């Protein structure tokens, strides 16, 4: 399992906490997102929330499991069928 670094958090809504001293997020002496220590890297599809299916051909992207980006949802590969529609 790959170790998550602050560099992997680039683009995440919570990356702000890796760069801003808030007082409560400095247990290591440096600002750090609360999720960073327990985060793991996972592969998922980053699908725009305003994009209708099918999602066929959407690339798998490796990001921390806690990654959040405005306007996107992270979808596990096994949630989609081969034709790009949702698996029920």
PDB file of N, CA and C in Angstrom:
ATOM      1  N   UNK A   1       0.846  -1.173   0.000  1.00  0.00           N
ATOM      2  CA  UNK A   1       0.000   0.000   0.000  1.00  0.00           C
ATOM      3  C   UNK A   1       0.895   1.242   0.000  1.00  0.00           C
ATOM      4  N   UNK A   2       0.648   2.144  -0.921  1.00  0.00           N
ATOM      5  CA  UNK A   2       1.468   3.342  -1.057  1.00  0.00           C
ATOM      6  C   UNK A   2       1.148   4.351   0.047  1.00  0.00           C
ATOM      7  N   UNK A   3       2.186   5.018   0.505  1.00  0.00           N
ATOM      8  CA  UNK A   3       2.020   6.059   1.512  1.00  0.00           C
ATOM      9  C   UNK A   3       1.515   7.332   0.840  1.00  0.00           C
ATOM     10  N   UNK A   4       0.547   7.983   1.446  1.00  0.00           N
ATOM     11  CA  UNK A   4      -0.002   9.220   0.909  1.00  0.00           C
ATOM     12  C   UNK A   4       0.823  10.390   1.435  1.00  0.00           C
ATOM     13  N   UNK A   5       1.204  11.278   0.532  1.00  0.00           N
ATOM     14  CA  UNK A   5       1.944  12.484   0.915  1.00  0.00           C
ATOM     15  C   UNK A   5       1.091  13.707   0.625  1.00  0.00           C
ATOM     16  N   UNK A   6       1.536  14.842   1.115  1.00  0.00           N
ATOM     17  CA  UNK A   6       0.803  16.085   0.859  1.00  0.00           C
ATOM     18  C   UNK A   6       0.682  16.370  -0.629  1.00  0.00           C
ATOM     19  N   UNK A   7       1.674  15.933  -1.402  1.00  0.00           N
ATOM     20  CA  UNK A   7       1.664  16.143  -2.852  1.00  0.00           C
ATOM     21  C   UNK A   7       0.461  15.442  -3.490  1.00  0.00           C
ATOM     22  N   UNK A   8       0.068  14.294  -2.953  1.00  0.00           N
ATOM     23  CA  UNK A   8      -1.076  13.546  -3.483  1.00  0.00           C
ATOM     24  C   UNK A   8      -2.401  14.265  -3.233  1.00  0.00           C
ATOM     25  N   UNK A   9      -2.403  15.219  -2.312  1.00  0.00           N
ATOM     26  CA  UNK A   9      -3.621  15.926  -1.934  1.00  0.00           C
ATOM     27  C   UNK A   9      -3.931  17.128  -2.833  1.00  0.00           C
ATOM     28  N   UNK A  10      -3.043  17.434  -3.747  1.00  0.00           N
ATOM     29  CA  UNK A  10      -3.225  18.585  -4.623  1.00  0.00           C
ATOM     30  C   UNK A  10      -4.554  18.489  -5.366  1.00  0.00           C
ATOM     31  N   UNK A  11      -5.376  19.521  -5.271  1.00  0.00           N
ATOM     32  CA  UNK A  11      -6.682  19.551  -5.914  1.00  0.00           C
ATOM     33  C   UNK A  11      -7.825  19.162  -5.000  1.00  0.00           C
ATOM     34  N   UNK A  12      -7.531  18.561  -3.858  1.00  0.00           N
ATOM     35  CA  UNK A  12      -8.575  18.172  -2.905  1.00  0.00           C
ATOM     36  C   UNK A  12      -9.104  19.411  -2.183  1.00  0.00           C
ATOM     37  N   UNK A  13     -10.389  19.416  -1.874  1.00  0.00           N
ATOM     38  CA  UNK A  13     -10.972  20.539  -1.143  1.00  0.00           C
ATOM     39  C   UNK A  13     -10.338  20.707   0.231  1.00  0.00           C
ATOM     40  N   UNK A  14      -9.878  19.621   0.840  1.00  0.00           N
ATOM     41  CA  UNK A  14      -9.297  19.692   2.172  1.00  0.00           C
ATOM     42  C   UNK A  14      -7.792  19.918   2.159  1.00  0.00           C
ATOM     43  N   UNK A  15      -7.180  20.094   0.986  1.00  0.00           N
ATOM     44  CA  UNK A  15      -5.735  20.349   0.906  1.00  0.00           C
ATOM     45  C   UNK A  15      -5.384  21.651   1.623  1.00  0.00           C
ATOM     46  N   UNK A  16      -6.347  22.505   1.793  1.00  0.00           N
ATOM     47  CA  UNK A  16      -6.183  23.766   2.542  1.00  0.00           C
ATOM     48  C   UNK A  16      -5.546  23.518   3.903  1.00  0.00           C
ATOM     49  N   UNK A  17      -5.932  22.434   4.551  1.00  0.00           N
ATOM     50  CA  UNK A  17      -5.433  22.140   5.899  1.00  0.00           C
ATOM     51  C   UNK A  17      -3.960  21.735   5.913  1.00  0.00           C
ATOM     52  N   UNK A  18      -3.404  21.342   4.777  1.00  0.00           N
ATOM     53  CA  UNK A  18      -1.985  21.000   4.705  1.00  0.00           C
ATOM     54  C   UNK A  18      -1.095  22.236   4.629  1.00  0.00           C
ATOM     55  N   UNK A  19      -1.696  23.402   4.432  1.00  0.00           N
ATOM     56  CA  UNK A  19      -0.913  24.619   4.209  1.00  0.00           C
ATOM     57  C   UNK A  19      -1.253  25.753   5.171  1.00  0.00           C
ATOM     58  N   UNK A  20      -2.293  25.610   5.958  1.00  0.00           N
ATOM     59  CA  UNK A  20      -2.762  26.696   6.818  1.00  0.00           C
ATOM     60  C   UNK A  20      -2.717  26.280   8.281  1.00  0.00           C
ATOM     61  N   UNK A  21      -2.066  27.091   9.090  1.00  0.00           N
ATOM     62  CA  UNK A  21      -2.008  26.813  10.530  1.00  0.00           C
ATOM     63  C   UNK A  21      -3.343  27.170  11.168  1.00  0.00           C
ATOM     64  N   UNK A  22      -4.047  26.137  11.628  1.00  0.00           N
ATOM     65  CA  UNK A  22      -5.340  26.321  12.287  1.00  0.00           C
ATOM     66  C   UNK A  22      -5.246  26.073  13.790  1.00  0.00           C
ATOM     67  N   UNK A  23      -4.091  25.624  14.249  1.00  0.00           N
ATOM     68  CA  UNK A  23      -3.923  25.349  15.672  1.00  0.00           C
ATOM     69  C   UNK A  23      -4.189  23.900  16.014  1.00  0.00           C
ATOM     70  N   UNK A  24      -5.345  23.390  15.640  1.00  0.00           N
ATOM     71  CA  UNK A  24      -5.726  22.023  15.996  1.00  0.00           C
ATOM     72  C   UNK A  24      -5.141  20.975  15.054  1.00  0.00           C
ATOM     73  N   UNK A  25      -4.616  21.391  13.921  1.00  0.00           N
ATOM     74  CA  UNK A  25      -4.134  20.417  12.935  1.00  0.00           C
ATOM     75  C   UNK A  25      -2.608  20.372  12.858  1.00  0.00           C
ATOM     76  N   UNK A  26      -1.931  20.585  13.981  1.00  0.00           N
ATOM     77  CA  UNK A  26      -0.474  20.660  13.967  1.00  0.00           C
ATOM     78  C   UNK A  26       0.181  19.672  14.931  1.00  0.00           C
ATOM     79  N   UNK A  27      -0.313  18.462  15.019  1.00  0.00           N
ATOM     80  CA  UNK A  27       0.257  17.493  15.955  1.00  0.00           C
ATOM     81  C   UNK A  27       1.696  17.132  15.605  1.00  0.00           C
ATOM     82  N   UNK A  28       2.072  17.220  14.334  1.00  0.00           N
ATOM     83  CA  UNK A  28       3.439  16.899  13.916  1.00  0.00           C
ATOM     84  C   UNK A  28       4.336  18.130  13.894  1.00  0.00           C
ATOM     85  N   UNK A  29       3.807  19.292  14.265  1.00  0.00           N
ATOM     86  CA  UNK A  29       4.578  20.530  14.220  1.00  0.00           C
ATOM     87  C   UNK A  29       4.364  21.310  12.943  1.00  0.00           C
ATOM     88  N   UNK A  30       3.773  20.680  11.937  1.00  0.00           N
ATOM     89  CA  UNK A  30       3.462  21.336  10.672  1.00  0.00           C
ATOM     90  C   UNK A  30       1.972  21.198  10.417  1.00  0.00           C
ATOM     91  N   UNK A  31       1.383  22.124   9.664  1.00  0.00           N
ATOM     92  CA  UNK A  31      -0.038  21.959   9.324  1.00  0.00           C
ATOM     93  C   UNK A  31      -0.251  20.666   8.550  1.00  0.00           C
ATOM     94  N   UNK A  32      -1.334  19.971   8.871  1.00  0.00           N
ATOM     95  CA  UNK A  32      -1.609  18.699   8.198  1.00  0.00           C
ATOM     96  C   UNK A  32      -3.103  18.421   8.218  1.00  0.00           C
ATOM     97  N   UNK A  33      -3.620  17.960   7.096  1.00  0.00           N
ATOM     98  CA  UNK A  33      -5.020  17.562   7.016  1.00  0.00           C
ATOM     99  C   UNK A  33      -5.258  16.410   7.995  1.00  0.00           C
ATOM    100  N   UNK A  34      -6.402  16.388   8.626  1.00  0.00           N
ATOM    101  CA  UNK A  34      -6.708  15.348   9.606  1.00  0.00           C
ATOM    102  C   UNK A  34      -6.784  13.960   8.973  1.00  0.00           C
ATOM    103  N   UNK A  35      -7.090  13.883   7.702  1.00  0.00           N
ATOM    104  CA  UNK A  35      -7.231  12.594   7.032  1.00  0.00           C
ATOM    105  C   UNK A  35      -5.913  12.030   6.515  1.00  0.00           C
ATOM    106  N   UNK A  36      -4.870  12.834   6.463  1.00  0.00           N
ATOM    107  CA  UNK A  36      -3.619  12.430   5.819  1.00  0.00           C
ATOM    108  C   UNK A  36      -2.979  11.195   6.461  1.00  0.00           C
ATOM    109  N   UNK A  37      -2.943  11.119   7.761  1.00  0.00           N
ATOM    110  CA  UNK A  37      -2.255  10.016   8.451  1.00  0.00           C
ATOM    111  C   UNK A  37      -2.890   8.654   8.172  1.00  0.00           C
ATOM    112  N   UNK A  38      -4.200   8.606   7.998  1.00  0.00           N
ATOM    113  CA  UNK A  38      -4.879   7.329   7.790  1.00  0.00           C
ATOM    114  C   UNK A  38      -5.273   7.098   6.329  1.00  0.00           C
ATOM    115  N   UNK A  39      -4.918   8.003   5.446  1.00  0.00           N
ATOM    116  CA  UNK A  39      -5.317   7.898   4.037  1.00  0.00           C
ATOM    117  C   UNK A  39      -4.560   6.781   3.316  1.00  0.00           C
ATOM    118  N   UNK A  40      -5.231   6.183   2.355  1.00  0.00           N
ATOM    119  CA  UNK A  40      -4.622   5.179   1.486  1.00  0.00           C
ATOM    120  C   UNK A  40      -4.907   5.568   0.037  1.00  0.00           C
ATOM    121  N   UNK A  41      -4.050   5.117  -0.869  1.00  0.00           N
ATOM    122  CA  UNK A  41      -4.247   5.411  -2.286  1.00  0.00           C
ATOM    123  C   UNK A  41      -5.196   4.365  -2.877  1.00  0.00           C
ATOM    124  N   UNK A  42      -6.193   4.845  -3.620  1.00  0.00           N
ATOM    125  CA  UNK A  42      -7.146   3.958  -4.295  1.00  0.00           C
ATOM    126  C   UNK A  42      -7.344   4.434  -5.728  1.00  0.00           C
ATOM    127  N   UNK A  43      -7.639   3.481  -6.609  1.00  0.00           N
ATOM    128  CA  UNK A  43      -7.942   3.828  -7.992  1.00  0.00           C
ATOM    129  C   UNK A  43      -9.452   3.912  -8.157  1.00  0.00           C
ATOM    130  N   UNK A  44      -9.910   4.996  -8.765  1.00  0.00           N
ATOM    131  CA  UNK A  44     -11.334   5.201  -9.001  1.00  0.00           C
ATOM    132  C   UNK A  44     -11.501   6.123 -10.200  1.00  0.00           C
ATOM    133  N   UNK A  45     -12.719   6.186 -10.701  1.00  0.00           N
ATOM    134  CA  UNK A  45     -13.047   7.104 -11.789  1.00  0.00           C
ATOM    135  C   UNK A  45     -13.454   8.440 -11.173  1.00  0.00           C
ATOM    136  N   UNK A  46     -12.921   9.546 -11.686  1.00  0.00           N
ATOM    137  CA  UNK A  46     -13.375  10.881 -11.290  1.00  0.00           C
ATOM    138  C   UNK A  46     -14.418  11.306 -12.323  1.00  0.00           C
ATOM    139  N   UNK A  47     -15.690  11.249 -11.942  1.00  0.00           N
ATOM    140  CA  UNK A  47     -16.774  11.529 -12.878  1.00  0.00           C
ATOM    141  C   UNK A  47     -17.410  12.871 -12.531  1.00  0.00           C
ATOM    142  N   UNK A  48     -17.499  13.780 -13.524  1.00  0.00           N
ATOM    143  CA  UNK A  48     -18.165  15.058 -13.276  1.00  0.00           C
ATOM    144  C   UNK A  48     -19.621  14.828 -12.868  1.00  0.00           C
ATOM    145  N   UNK A  49     -20.090  15.570 -11.889  1.00  0.00           N
ATOM    146  CA  UNK A  49     -21.449  15.365 -11.386  1.00  0.00           C
ATOM    147  C   UNK A  49     -22.509  15.752 -12.410  1.00  0.00           C
ATOM    148  N   UNK A  50     -22.161  16.577 -13.393  1.00  0.00           N
ATOM    149  CA  UNK A  50     -23.154  16.987 -14.395  1.00  0.00           C
ATOM    150  C   UNK A  50     -23.046  16.180 -15.691  1.00  0.00           C
ATOM    151  N   UNK A  51     -22.298  15.081 -15.676  1.00  0.00           N
ATOM    152  CA  UNK A  51     -22.119  14.242 -16.868  1.00  0.00           C
ATOM    153  C   UNK A  51     -23.084  13.067 -16.820  1.00  0.00           C
ATOM    154  N   UNK A  52     -23.942  12.925 -17.835  1.00  0.00           N
ATOM    155  CA  UNK A  52     -24.852  11.780 -17.847  1.00  0.00           C
ATOM    156  C   UNK A  52     -24.121  10.513 -18.298  1.00  0.00           C
ATOM    157  N   UNK A  53     -24.632   9.327 -17.920  1.00  0.00           N
ATOM    158  CA  UNK A  53     -24.014   8.087 -18.370  1.00  0.00           C
ATOM    159  C   UNK A  53     -24.204   7.941 -19.887  1.00  0.00           C
ATOM    160  N   UNK A  54     -23.438   7.126 -20.548  1.00  0.00           N
ATOM    161  CA  UNK A  54     -22.509   6.140 -20.022  1.00  0.00           C
ATOM    162  C   UNK A  54     -21.150   6.755 -19.689  1.00  0.00           C
ATOM    163  N   UNK A  55     -20.439   6.115 -18.766  1.00  0.00           N
ATOM    164  CA  UNK A  55     -19.128   6.582 -18.315  1.00  0.00           C
ATOM    165  C   UNK A  55     -18.010   5.704 -18.868  1.00  0.00           C
ATOM    166  N   UNK A  56     -18.272   5.045 -19.977  1.00  0.00           N
ATOM    167  CA  UNK A  56     -17.293   4.160 -20.602  1.00  0.00           C
ATOM    168  C   UNK A  56     -16.086   4.994 -21.058  1.00  0.00           C
ATOM    169  N   UNK A  57     -14.903   4.490 -20.777  1.00  0.00           N
ATOM    170  CA  UNK A  57     -13.689   5.184 -21.192  1.00  0.00           C
ATOM    171  C   UNK A  57     -13.153   6.186 -20.185  1.00  0.00           C
ATOM    172  N   UNK A  58     -13.848   6.365 -19.074  1.00  0.00           N
ATOM    173  CA  UNK A  58     -13.344   7.272 -18.041  1.00  0.00           C
ATOM    174  C   UNK A  58     -12.101   6.625 -17.423  1.00  0.00           C
ATOM    175  N   UNK A  59     -10.992   7.354 -17.354  1.00  0.00           N
ATOM    176  CA  UNK A  59      -9.764   6.744 -16.834  1.00  0.00           C
ATOM    177  C   UNK A  59      -9.828   6.481 -15.333  1.00  0.00           C
ATOM    178  N   UNK A  60      -9.100   5.464 -14.893  1.00  0.00           N
ATOM    179  CA  UNK A  60      -8.931   5.205 -13.465  1.00  0.00           C
ATOM    180  C   UNK A  60      -7.807   6.105 -12.975  1.00  0.00           C
ATOM    181  N   UNK A  61      -8.055   6.811 -11.884  1.00  0.00           N
ATOM    182  CA  UNK A  61      -7.081   7.744 -11.335  1.00  0.00           C
ATOM    183  C   UNK A  61      -6.744   7.307  -9.913  1.00  0.00           C
ATOM    184  N   UNK A  62      -5.469   7.274  -9.584  1.00  0.00           N
ATOM    185  CA  UNK A  62      -5.029   6.907  -8.241  1.00  0.00           C
ATOM    186  C   UNK A  62      -4.942   8.172  -7.386  1.00  0.00           C
ATOM    187  N   UNK A  63      -5.766   8.219  -6.346  1.00  0.00           N
ATOM    188  CA  UNK A  63      -5.813   9.359  -5.420  1.00  0.00           C
ATOM    189  C   UNK A  63      -6.051   8.832  -4.002  1.00  0.00           C
ATOM    190  N   UNK A  64      -5.839   9.666  -2.983  1.00  0.00           N
ATOM    191  CA  UNK A  64      -6.161   9.241  -1.615  1.00  0.00           C
ATOM    192  C   UNK A  64      -7.645   8.906  -1.476  1.00  0.00           C
ATOM    193  N   UNK A  65      -7.965   7.955  -0.615  1.00  0.00           N
ATOM    194  CA  UNK A  65      -9.361   7.544  -0.437  1.00  0.00           C
ATOM    195  C   UNK A  65     -10.238   8.652   0.136  1.00  0.00           C
ATOM    196  N   UNK A  66      -9.650   9.670   0.732  1.00  0.00           N
ATOM    197  CA  UNK A  66     -10.411  10.771   1.312  1.00  0.00           C
ATOM    198  C   UNK A  66     -10.530  11.963   0.355  1.00  0.00           C
ATOM    199  N   UNK A  67     -10.005  11.851  -0.863  1.00  0.00           N
ATOM    200  CA  UNK A  67      -9.960  12.949  -1.843  1.00  0.00           C
ATOM    201  C   UNK A  67     -11.357  13.423  -2.224  1.00  0.00           C
ATOM    202  N   UNK A  68     -11.562  14.748  -2.186  1.00  0.00           N
ATOM    203  CA  UNK A  68     -12.836  15.351  -2.583  1.00  0.00           C
ATOM    204  C   UNK A  68     -12.541  16.538  -3.491  1.00  0.00           C
ATOM    205  N   UNK A  69     -13.197  16.597  -4.627  1.00  0.00           N
ATOM    206  CA  UNK A  69     -13.048  17.728  -5.541  1.00  0.00           C
ATOM    207  C   UNK A  69     -14.438  18.220  -5.926  1.00  0.00           C
ATOM    208  N   UNK A  70     -14.623  19.517  -5.902  1.00  0.00           N
ATOM    209  CA  UNK A  70     -15.922  20.106  -6.219  1.00  0.00           C
ATOM    210  C   UNK A  70     -16.303  19.759  -7.659  1.00  0.00           C
ATOM    211  N   UNK A  71     -17.523  19.279  -7.833  1.00  0.00           N
ATOM    212  CA  UNK A  71     -18.041  18.966  -9.154  1.00  0.00           C
ATOM    213  C   UNK A  71     -17.710  17.568  -9.647  1.00  0.00           C
ATOM    214  N   UNK A  72     -17.072  16.751  -8.796  1.00  0.00           N
ATOM    215  CA  UNK A  72     -16.700  15.391  -9.185  1.00  0.00           C
ATOM    216  C   UNK A  72     -17.106  14.407  -8.103  1.00  0.00           C
ATOM    217  N   UNK A  73     -17.397  13.184  -8.524  1.00  0.00           N
ATOM    218  CA  UNK A  73     -17.588  12.111  -7.553  1.00  0.00           C
ATOM    219  C   UNK A  73     -16.615  11.000  -7.909  1.00  0.00           C
ATOM    220  N   UNK A  74     -16.100  10.360  -6.883  1.00  0.00           N
ATOM    221  CA  UNK A  74     -15.162   9.249  -7.069  1.00  0.00           C
ATOM    222  C   UNK A  74     -15.981   7.968  -7.116  1.00  0.00           C
ATOM    223  N   UNK A  75     -15.840   7.214  -8.175  1.00  0.00           N
ATOM    224  CA  UNK A  75     -16.628   6.001  -8.373  1.00  0.00           C
ATOM    225  C   UNK A  75     -15.690   4.802  -8.495  1.00  0.00           C
ATOM    226  N   UNK A  76     -15.918   3.800  -7.665  1.00  0.00           N
ATOM    227  CA  UNK A  76     -15.115   2.576  -7.719  1.00  0.00           C
ATOM    228  C   UNK A  76     -15.372   1.857  -9.041  1.00  0.00           C
ATOM    229  N   UNK A  77     -14.344   1.222  -9.591  1.00  0.00           N
ATOM    230  CA  UNK A  77     -14.506   0.541 -10.879  1.00  0.00           C
ATOM    231  C   UNK A  77     -15.596  -0.524 -10.885  1.00  0.00           C
ATOM    232  N   UNK A  78     -15.780  -1.213  -9.776  1.00  0.00           N
ATOM    233  CA  UNK A  78     -16.785  -2.283  -9.745  1.00  0.00           C
ATOM    234  C   UNK A  78     -18.219  -1.757  -9.654  1.00  0.00           C
ATOM    235  N   UNK A  79     -18.413  -0.440  -9.566  1.00  0.00           N
ATOM    236  CA  UNK A  79     -19.748   0.139  -9.532  1.00  0.00           C
ATOM    237  C   UNK A  79     -20.309   0.364 -10.934  1.00  0.00           C
ATOM    238  N   UNK A  80     -19.440   0.200 -11.948  1.00  0.00           N
ATOM    239  CA  UNK A  80     -19.872   0.407 -13.332  1.00  0.00           C
ATOM    240  C   UNK A  80     -19.768  -0.889 -14.130  1.00  0.00           C
ATOM    241  N   UNK A  81     -20.729  -1.090 -15.030  1.00  0.00           N
ATOM    242  CA  UNK A  81     -20.665  -2.227 -15.936  1.00  0.00           C
ATOM    243  C   UNK A  81     -19.700  -1.907 -17.073  1.00  0.00           C
ATOM    244  N   UNK A  82     -19.392  -2.899 -17.906  1.00  0.00           N
ATOM    245  CA  UNK A  82     -18.462  -2.717 -19.018  1.00  0.00           C
ATOM    246  C   UNK A  82     -18.956  -1.679 -20.024  1.00  0.00           C
ATOM    247  N   UNK A  83     -20.296  -1.516 -20.127  1.00  0.00           N
ATOM    248  CA  UNK A  83     -20.821  -0.544 -21.072  1.00  0.00           C
ATOM    249  C   UNK A  83     -20.881   0.877 -20.512  1.00  0.00           C
ATOM    250  N   UNK A  84     -20.415   1.067 -19.253  1.00  0.00           N
ATOM    251  CA  UNK A  84     -20.341   2.397 -18.663  1.00  0.00           C
ATOM    252  C   UNK A  84     -21.551   2.820 -17.863  1.00  0.00           C
ATOM    253  N   UNK A  85     -22.524   1.955 -17.721  1.00  0.00           N
ATOM    254  CA  UNK A  85     -23.723   2.275 -16.920  1.00  0.00           C
ATOM    255  C   UNK A  85     -23.577   1.696 -15.517  1.00  0.00           C
ATOM    256  N   UNK A  86     -24.391   2.218 -14.591  1.00  0.00           N
ATOM    257  CA  UNK A  86     -24.323   1.779 -13.202  1.00  0.00           C
ATOM    258  C   UNK A  86     -24.685   0.313 -13.059  1.00  0.00           C
ATOM    259  N   UNK A  87     -23.955  -0.355 -12.192  1.00  0.00           N
ATOM    260  CA  UNK A  87     -24.241  -1.743 -11.838  1.00  0.00           C
ATOM    261  C   UNK A  87     -25.239  -1.704 -10.669  1.00  0.00           C
ATOM    262  N   UNK A  88     -26.331  -2.456 -10.774  1.00  0.00           N
ATOM    263  CA  UNK A  88     -27.326  -2.472  -9.698  1.00  0.00           C
ATOM    264  C   UNK A  88     -27.367  -3.806  -9.021  1.00  0.00           C
TER     265      UNK A  88
END
